[in-house]
Amino acid sequence: MARNVTITQGVTRTSSVIGISTDYTAAADEVLLCDTTSYGFTVTLPDDPAVGDRVQFVDAAGQFGANNVVVSVSDTSTYKIANLNETLLLNVPNQPLELMWSGSTYGWVLLNT
């Protein structure tokens, strides 16, 4: 299930809305409707992102507390999440998250939680 939505925030960006329930490799400017009703899974952020690329996570089923989503990168020595060379665990029910690539110094930064 994918739907393109155009969001204008100074720059026009087109986001694809994707429903996922298993391990997934995200692309830039996707909104991921995560269904962890049955089990948790891992989402790998895009390689070679451009400054300003975004990925959004939505707890579609309200089950992040029971079944977590692990947000990872392909290479923690190259790509950071929140200025850390680690994975990020989504484990708060109904808590959305938006990440934006800020460049190699700080990596993927948290915009909205």
N, C-alpha and C. Protein backbone atom coordinates (compact mmCIF):
# COMPACT_ATOMS: atom_id res chain seq x y z
N MET A 1 0.85 -1.16 0.00
CA MET A 1 0.00 0.00 0.00
C MET A 1 0.90 1.22 0.00
N ALA A 2 0.87 2.00 -1.03
CA ALA A 2 1.67 3.23 -1.09
C ALA A 2 0.81 4.35 -1.64
N ARG A 3 0.96 5.50 -1.06
CA ARG A 3 0.24 6.68 -1.53
C ARG A 3 1.20 7.84 -1.48
N ASN A 4 1.24 8.63 -2.52
CA ASN A 4 2.10 9.81 -2.55
C ASN A 4 1.32 11.01 -2.04
N VAL A 5 1.94 11.77 -1.16
CA VAL A 5 1.35 12.96 -0.59
C VAL A 5 2.36 14.08 -0.77
N THR A 6 1.93 15.22 -1.28
CA THR A 6 2.84 16.35 -1.43
C THR A 6 2.69 17.28 -0.24
N ILE A 7 3.82 17.56 0.42
CA ILE A 7 3.85 18.44 1.58
C ILE A 7 4.75 19.61 1.24
N THR A 8 4.24 20.82 1.37
CA THR A 8 5.04 21.99 1.06
C THR A 8 5.48 22.65 2.36
N GLN A 9 6.81 22.70 2.55
CA GLN A 9 7.40 23.35 3.73
C GLN A 9 8.60 24.16 3.25
N GLY A 10 8.35 25.21 2.50
CA GLY A 10 9.43 25.98 1.92
C GLY A 10 9.95 25.31 0.65
N VAL A 11 10.05 24.01 0.68
CA VAL A 11 10.46 23.20 -0.46
C VAL A 11 9.38 22.14 -0.63
N THR A 12 9.00 21.87 -1.85
CA THR A 12 8.00 20.84 -2.08
C THR A 12 8.65 19.47 -1.98
N ARG A 13 8.13 18.63 -1.10
CA ARG A 13 8.62 17.27 -0.93
C ARG A 13 7.43 16.34 -1.12
N THR A 14 7.66 15.24 -1.78
CA THR A 14 6.62 14.24 -1.96
C THR A 14 6.95 13.05 -1.09
N SER A 15 6.01 12.70 -0.23
CA SER A 15 6.21 11.56 0.66
C SER A 15 5.36 10.39 0.21
N SER A 16 5.91 9.20 0.32
CA SER A 16 5.14 7.98 0.07
C SER A 16 4.73 7.40 1.41
N VAL A 17 3.46 7.05 1.52
CA VAL A 17 2.93 6.44 2.74
C VAL A 17 2.90 4.94 2.51
N ILE A 18 3.63 4.20 3.37
CA ILE A 18 3.82 2.75 3.19
C ILE A 18 3.39 2.02 4.45
N GLY A 19 2.56 1.02 4.32
CA GLY A 19 2.21 0.15 5.44
C GLY A 19 3.20 -1.00 5.52
N ILE A 20 3.79 -1.22 6.71
CA ILE A 20 4.78 -2.29 6.87
C ILE A 20 4.49 -3.09 8.13
N SER A 21 4.85 -4.38 8.09
CA SER A 21 4.69 -5.24 9.27
C SER A 21 5.82 -6.27 9.38
N THR A 22 6.88 -6.09 8.57
CA THR A 22 8.05 -6.96 8.64
C THR A 22 9.29 -6.09 8.41
N ASP A 23 10.47 -6.70 8.52
CA ASP A 23 11.71 -5.97 8.27
C ASP A 23 11.60 -5.22 6.95
N TYR A 24 12.16 -4.00 6.94
CA TYR A 24 11.96 -3.13 5.79
C TYR A 24 13.16 -2.18 5.66
N THR A 25 13.56 -1.88 4.44
CA THR A 25 14.57 -0.87 4.18
C THR A 25 13.87 0.37 3.65
N ALA A 26 13.93 1.44 4.41
CA ALA A 26 13.21 2.66 4.08
C ALA A 26 13.92 3.42 2.95
N ALA A 27 13.14 4.24 2.27
CA ALA A 27 13.66 5.17 1.27
C ALA A 27 13.42 6.58 1.80
N ALA A 28 14.11 7.54 1.23
CA ALA A 28 13.94 8.93 1.65
C ALA A 28 12.50 9.38 1.47
N ASP A 29 12.04 10.17 2.40
CA ASP A 29 10.73 10.82 2.35
C ASP A 29 9.57 9.83 2.37
N GLU A 30 9.72 8.77 3.16
CA GLU A 30 8.61 7.84 3.37
C GLU A 30 7.98 8.06 4.74
N VAL A 31 6.68 7.85 4.78
CA VAL A 31 5.94 7.79 6.03
C VAL A 31 5.58 6.32 6.21
N LEU A 32 6.09 5.72 7.29
CA LEU A 32 5.91 4.29 7.51
C LEU A 32 4.83 4.05 8.55
N LEU A 33 3.74 3.41 8.11
CA LEU A 33 2.67 3.01 9.02
C LEU A 33 3.03 1.63 9.54
N CYS A 34 3.60 1.59 10.75
CA CYS A 34 4.14 0.35 11.31
C CYS A 34 3.08 -0.42 12.07
N ASP A 35 2.87 -1.66 11.68
CA ASP A 35 1.92 -2.54 12.36
C ASP A 35 2.70 -3.63 13.07
N THR A 36 2.85 -3.48 14.39
CA THR A 36 3.58 -4.47 15.19
C THR A 36 2.62 -5.31 16.02
N THR A 37 1.42 -5.50 15.53
CA THR A 37 0.43 -6.29 16.26
C THR A 37 0.94 -7.70 16.55
N SER A 38 1.55 -8.35 15.57
CA SER A 38 1.99 -9.74 15.73
C SER A 38 3.39 -9.86 16.28
N TYR A 39 4.31 -9.00 15.85
CA TYR A 39 5.70 -9.08 16.29
C TYR A 39 6.43 -7.80 15.89
N GLY A 40 7.57 -7.58 16.53
CA GLY A 40 8.41 -6.44 16.19
C GLY A 40 9.25 -6.72 14.96
N PHE A 41 9.88 -5.69 14.45
CA PHE A 41 10.72 -5.84 13.26
C PHE A 41 11.73 -4.70 13.21
N THR A 42 12.61 -4.76 12.21
CA THR A 42 13.67 -3.76 12.04
C THR A 42 13.43 -2.96 10.77
N VAL A 43 13.61 -1.65 10.88
CA VAL A 43 13.59 -0.77 9.72
C VAL A 43 15.00 -0.20 9.57
N THR A 44 15.58 -0.39 8.39
CA THR A 44 16.91 0.14 8.09
C THR A 44 16.75 1.44 7.32
N LEU A 45 17.41 2.48 7.81
CA LEU A 45 17.34 3.78 7.16
C LEU A 45 18.12 3.77 5.85
N PRO A 46 17.80 4.69 4.93
CA PRO A 46 18.43 4.69 3.60
C PRO A 46 19.94 4.96 3.66
N ASP A 47 20.67 4.32 2.77
CA ASP A 47 22.09 4.63 2.56
C ASP A 47 22.19 5.86 1.68
N ASP A 48 23.29 6.56 1.79
CA ASP A 48 23.59 7.74 0.96
C ASP A 48 22.48 8.78 0.96
N PRO A 49 21.97 9.16 2.15
CA PRO A 49 20.91 10.16 2.19
C PRO A 49 21.45 11.55 1.84
N ALA A 50 20.57 12.41 1.37
CA ALA A 50 20.89 13.82 1.12
C ALA A 50 20.40 14.63 2.32
N VAL A 51 21.09 15.72 2.60
CA VAL A 51 20.67 16.59 3.70
C VAL A 51 19.20 16.98 3.48
N GLY A 52 18.39 16.79 4.50
CA GLY A 52 16.97 17.10 4.42
C GLY A 52 16.08 15.90 4.17
N ASP A 53 16.66 14.76 3.77
CA ASP A 53 15.84 13.55 3.60
C ASP A 53 15.20 13.18 4.93
N ARG A 54 13.97 12.70 4.86
CA ARG A 54 13.22 12.38 6.08
C ARG A 54 12.60 11.00 6.00
N VAL A 55 12.42 10.40 7.17
CA VAL A 55 11.65 9.16 7.31
C VAL A 55 10.79 9.33 8.56
N GLN A 56 9.51 9.05 8.42
CA GLN A 56 8.57 9.18 9.54
C GLN A 56 8.05 7.80 9.92
N PHE A 57 7.85 7.61 11.22
CA PHE A 57 7.33 6.36 11.76
C PHE A 57 6.03 6.64 12.50
N VAL A 58 5.00 5.85 12.20
CA VAL A 58 3.71 5.98 12.86
C VAL A 58 3.36 4.60 13.43
N ASP A 59 2.97 4.58 14.70
CA ASP A 59 2.55 3.33 15.35
C ASP A 59 1.10 3.07 14.97
N ALA A 60 0.89 2.52 13.79
CA ALA A 60 -0.46 2.36 13.24
C ALA A 60 -1.38 1.52 14.13
N ALA A 61 -0.84 0.51 14.78
CA ALA A 61 -1.66 -0.40 15.60
C ALA A 61 -1.57 -0.09 17.09
N GLY A 62 -0.77 0.90 17.47
CA GLY A 62 -0.63 1.23 18.89
C GLY A 62 0.07 0.15 19.70
N GLN A 63 0.96 -0.60 19.07
CA GLN A 63 1.58 -1.76 19.72
C GLN A 63 3.10 -1.64 19.91
N PHE A 64 3.67 -0.44 19.75
CA PHE A 64 5.13 -0.30 19.94
C PHE A 64 5.57 -0.77 21.32
N GLY A 65 4.72 -0.62 22.33
CA GLY A 65 5.08 -1.05 23.68
C GLY A 65 5.20 -2.55 23.82
N ALA A 66 4.37 -3.29 23.11
CA ALA A 66 4.39 -4.76 23.19
C ALA A 66 5.39 -5.36 22.22
N ASN A 67 5.43 -4.84 21.01
CA ASN A 67 6.31 -5.34 19.96
C ASN A 67 7.03 -4.14 19.35
N ASN A 68 8.30 -4.04 19.60
CA ASN A 68 9.09 -2.86 19.24
C ASN A 68 9.52 -2.85 17.79
N VAL A 69 9.84 -1.65 17.31
CA VAL A 69 10.51 -1.47 16.03
C VAL A 69 11.94 -1.02 16.33
N VAL A 70 12.90 -1.69 15.73
CA VAL A 70 14.30 -1.29 15.84
C VAL A 70 14.64 -0.50 14.58
N VAL A 71 15.11 0.73 14.77
CA VAL A 71 15.53 1.57 13.65
C VAL A 71 17.05 1.44 13.58
N SER A 72 17.54 1.03 12.42
CA SER A 72 18.97 0.79 12.28
C SER A 72 19.50 1.46 11.01
N VAL A 73 20.81 1.41 10.88
CA VAL A 73 21.49 1.87 9.67
C VAL A 73 22.35 0.72 9.18
N SER A 74 22.75 0.77 7.92
CA SER A 74 23.52 -0.34 7.37
C SER A 74 24.94 -0.39 7.92
N ASP A 75 25.46 0.75 8.34
CA ASP A 75 26.85 0.82 8.82
C ASP A 75 26.93 1.89 9.91
N THR A 76 27.02 1.47 11.17
CA THR A 76 27.03 2.44 12.27
C THR A 76 28.31 3.27 12.33
N SER A 77 29.36 2.88 11.63
CA SER A 77 30.55 3.73 11.60
C SER A 77 30.41 4.86 10.60
N THR A 78 29.46 4.74 9.66
CA THR A 78 29.24 5.76 8.64
C THR A 78 28.01 6.61 8.94
N TYR A 79 26.94 5.97 9.38
CA TYR A 79 25.66 6.65 9.59
C TYR A 79 25.29 6.63 11.08
N LYS A 80 24.96 7.81 11.62
CA LYS A 80 24.56 7.92 13.02
C LYS A 80 23.06 8.15 13.11
N ILE A 81 22.52 7.80 14.27
CA ILE A 81 21.14 8.14 14.61
C ILE A 81 21.21 8.96 15.90
N ALA A 82 20.70 10.18 15.88
CA ALA A 82 20.74 11.08 17.04
C ALA A 82 22.17 11.26 17.55
N ASN A 83 23.11 11.39 16.63
CA ASN A 83 24.52 11.59 16.92
C ASN A 83 25.17 10.42 17.65
N LEU A 84 24.57 9.24 17.56
CA LEU A 84 25.11 8.04 18.19
C LEU A 84 25.32 6.96 17.14
N ASN A 85 26.31 6.14 17.34
CA ASN A 85 26.57 5.01 16.44
C ASN A 85 25.85 3.79 16.98
N GLU A 86 24.53 3.89 17.09
CA GLU A 86 23.71 2.84 17.68
C GLU A 86 22.38 2.73 16.93
N THR A 87 21.61 1.71 17.29
CA THR A 87 20.25 1.60 16.79
C THR A 87 19.33 2.41 17.70
N LEU A 88 18.10 2.58 17.25
CA LEU A 88 17.09 3.31 18.01
C LEU A 88 15.90 2.38 18.21
N LEU A 89 15.39 2.29 19.42
CA LEU A 89 14.27 1.40 19.73
C LEU A 89 13.00 2.22 19.87
N LEU A 90 11.98 1.89 19.08
CA LEU A 90 10.67 2.52 19.20
C LEU A 90 9.82 1.62 20.08
N ASN A 91 9.57 2.04 21.31
CA ASN A 91 8.88 1.17 22.27
C ASN A 91 7.82 1.89 23.09
N VAL A 92 7.40 3.07 22.65
CA VAL A 92 6.35 3.81 23.35
C VAL A 92 5.09 3.76 22.48
N PRO A 93 4.00 3.17 22.98
CA PRO A 93 2.79 3.05 22.17
C PRO A 93 2.29 4.40 21.65
N ASN A 94 1.88 4.40 20.39
CA ASN A 94 1.28 5.56 19.74
C ASN A 94 2.20 6.77 19.63
N GLN A 95 3.50 6.58 19.80
CA GLN A 95 4.44 7.69 19.72
C GLN A 95 5.02 7.78 18.31
N PRO A 96 4.66 8.81 17.55
CA PRO A 96 5.24 8.97 16.21
C PRO A 96 6.66 9.51 16.31
N LEU A 97 7.42 9.33 15.25
CA LEU A 97 8.80 9.81 15.21
C LEU A 97 9.13 10.22 13.79
N GLU A 98 9.83 11.34 13.65
CA GLU A 98 10.32 11.76 12.35
C GLU A 98 11.82 11.99 12.46
N LEU A 99 12.57 11.41 11.54
CA LEU A 99 14.02 11.57 11.48
C LEU A 99 14.38 12.32 10.20
N MET A 100 15.41 13.17 10.29
CA MET A 100 15.90 13.89 9.13
C MET A 100 17.41 13.76 9.06
N TRP A 101 17.94 13.52 7.86
CA TRP A 101 19.39 13.43 7.67
C TRP A 101 19.96 14.85 7.70
N SER A 102 20.88 15.09 8.65
CA SER A 102 21.46 16.42 8.82
C SER A 102 22.87 16.53 8.23
N GLY A 103 23.41 15.42 7.77
CA GLY A 103 24.77 15.37 7.28
C GLY A 103 25.58 14.40 8.12
N SER A 104 26.83 14.19 7.74
CA SER A 104 27.63 13.14 8.37
C SER A 104 28.06 13.46 9.80
N THR A 105 28.04 14.71 10.20
CA THR A 105 28.48 15.06 11.56
C THR A 105 27.53 14.50 12.61
N TYR A 106 26.23 14.77 12.47
CA TYR A 106 25.25 14.32 13.46
C TYR A 106 24.35 13.21 12.97
N GLY A 107 24.31 12.98 11.66
CA GLY A 107 23.53 11.88 11.10
C GLY A 107 22.04 12.16 11.09
N TRP A 108 21.27 11.12 11.36
CA TRP A 108 19.80 11.21 11.42
C TRP A 108 19.42 11.87 12.74
N VAL A 109 18.75 13.02 12.68
CA VAL A 109 18.35 13.74 13.89
C VAL A 109 16.84 13.62 14.07
N LEU A 110 16.41 13.69 15.34
CA LEU A 110 15.00 13.60 15.67
C LEU A 110 14.35 14.95 15.46
N LEU A 111 13.29 14.98 14.65
CA LEU A 111 12.55 16.22 14.44
C LEU A 111 11.33 16.29 15.34
N ASN A 112 10.52 15.26 15.31
CA ASN A 112 9.27 15.23 16.08
C ASN A 112 9.17 13.90 16.80
N THR A 113 8.80 13.99 18.06
CA THR A 113 8.55 12.76 18.83
C THR A 113 7.30 12.93 19.63
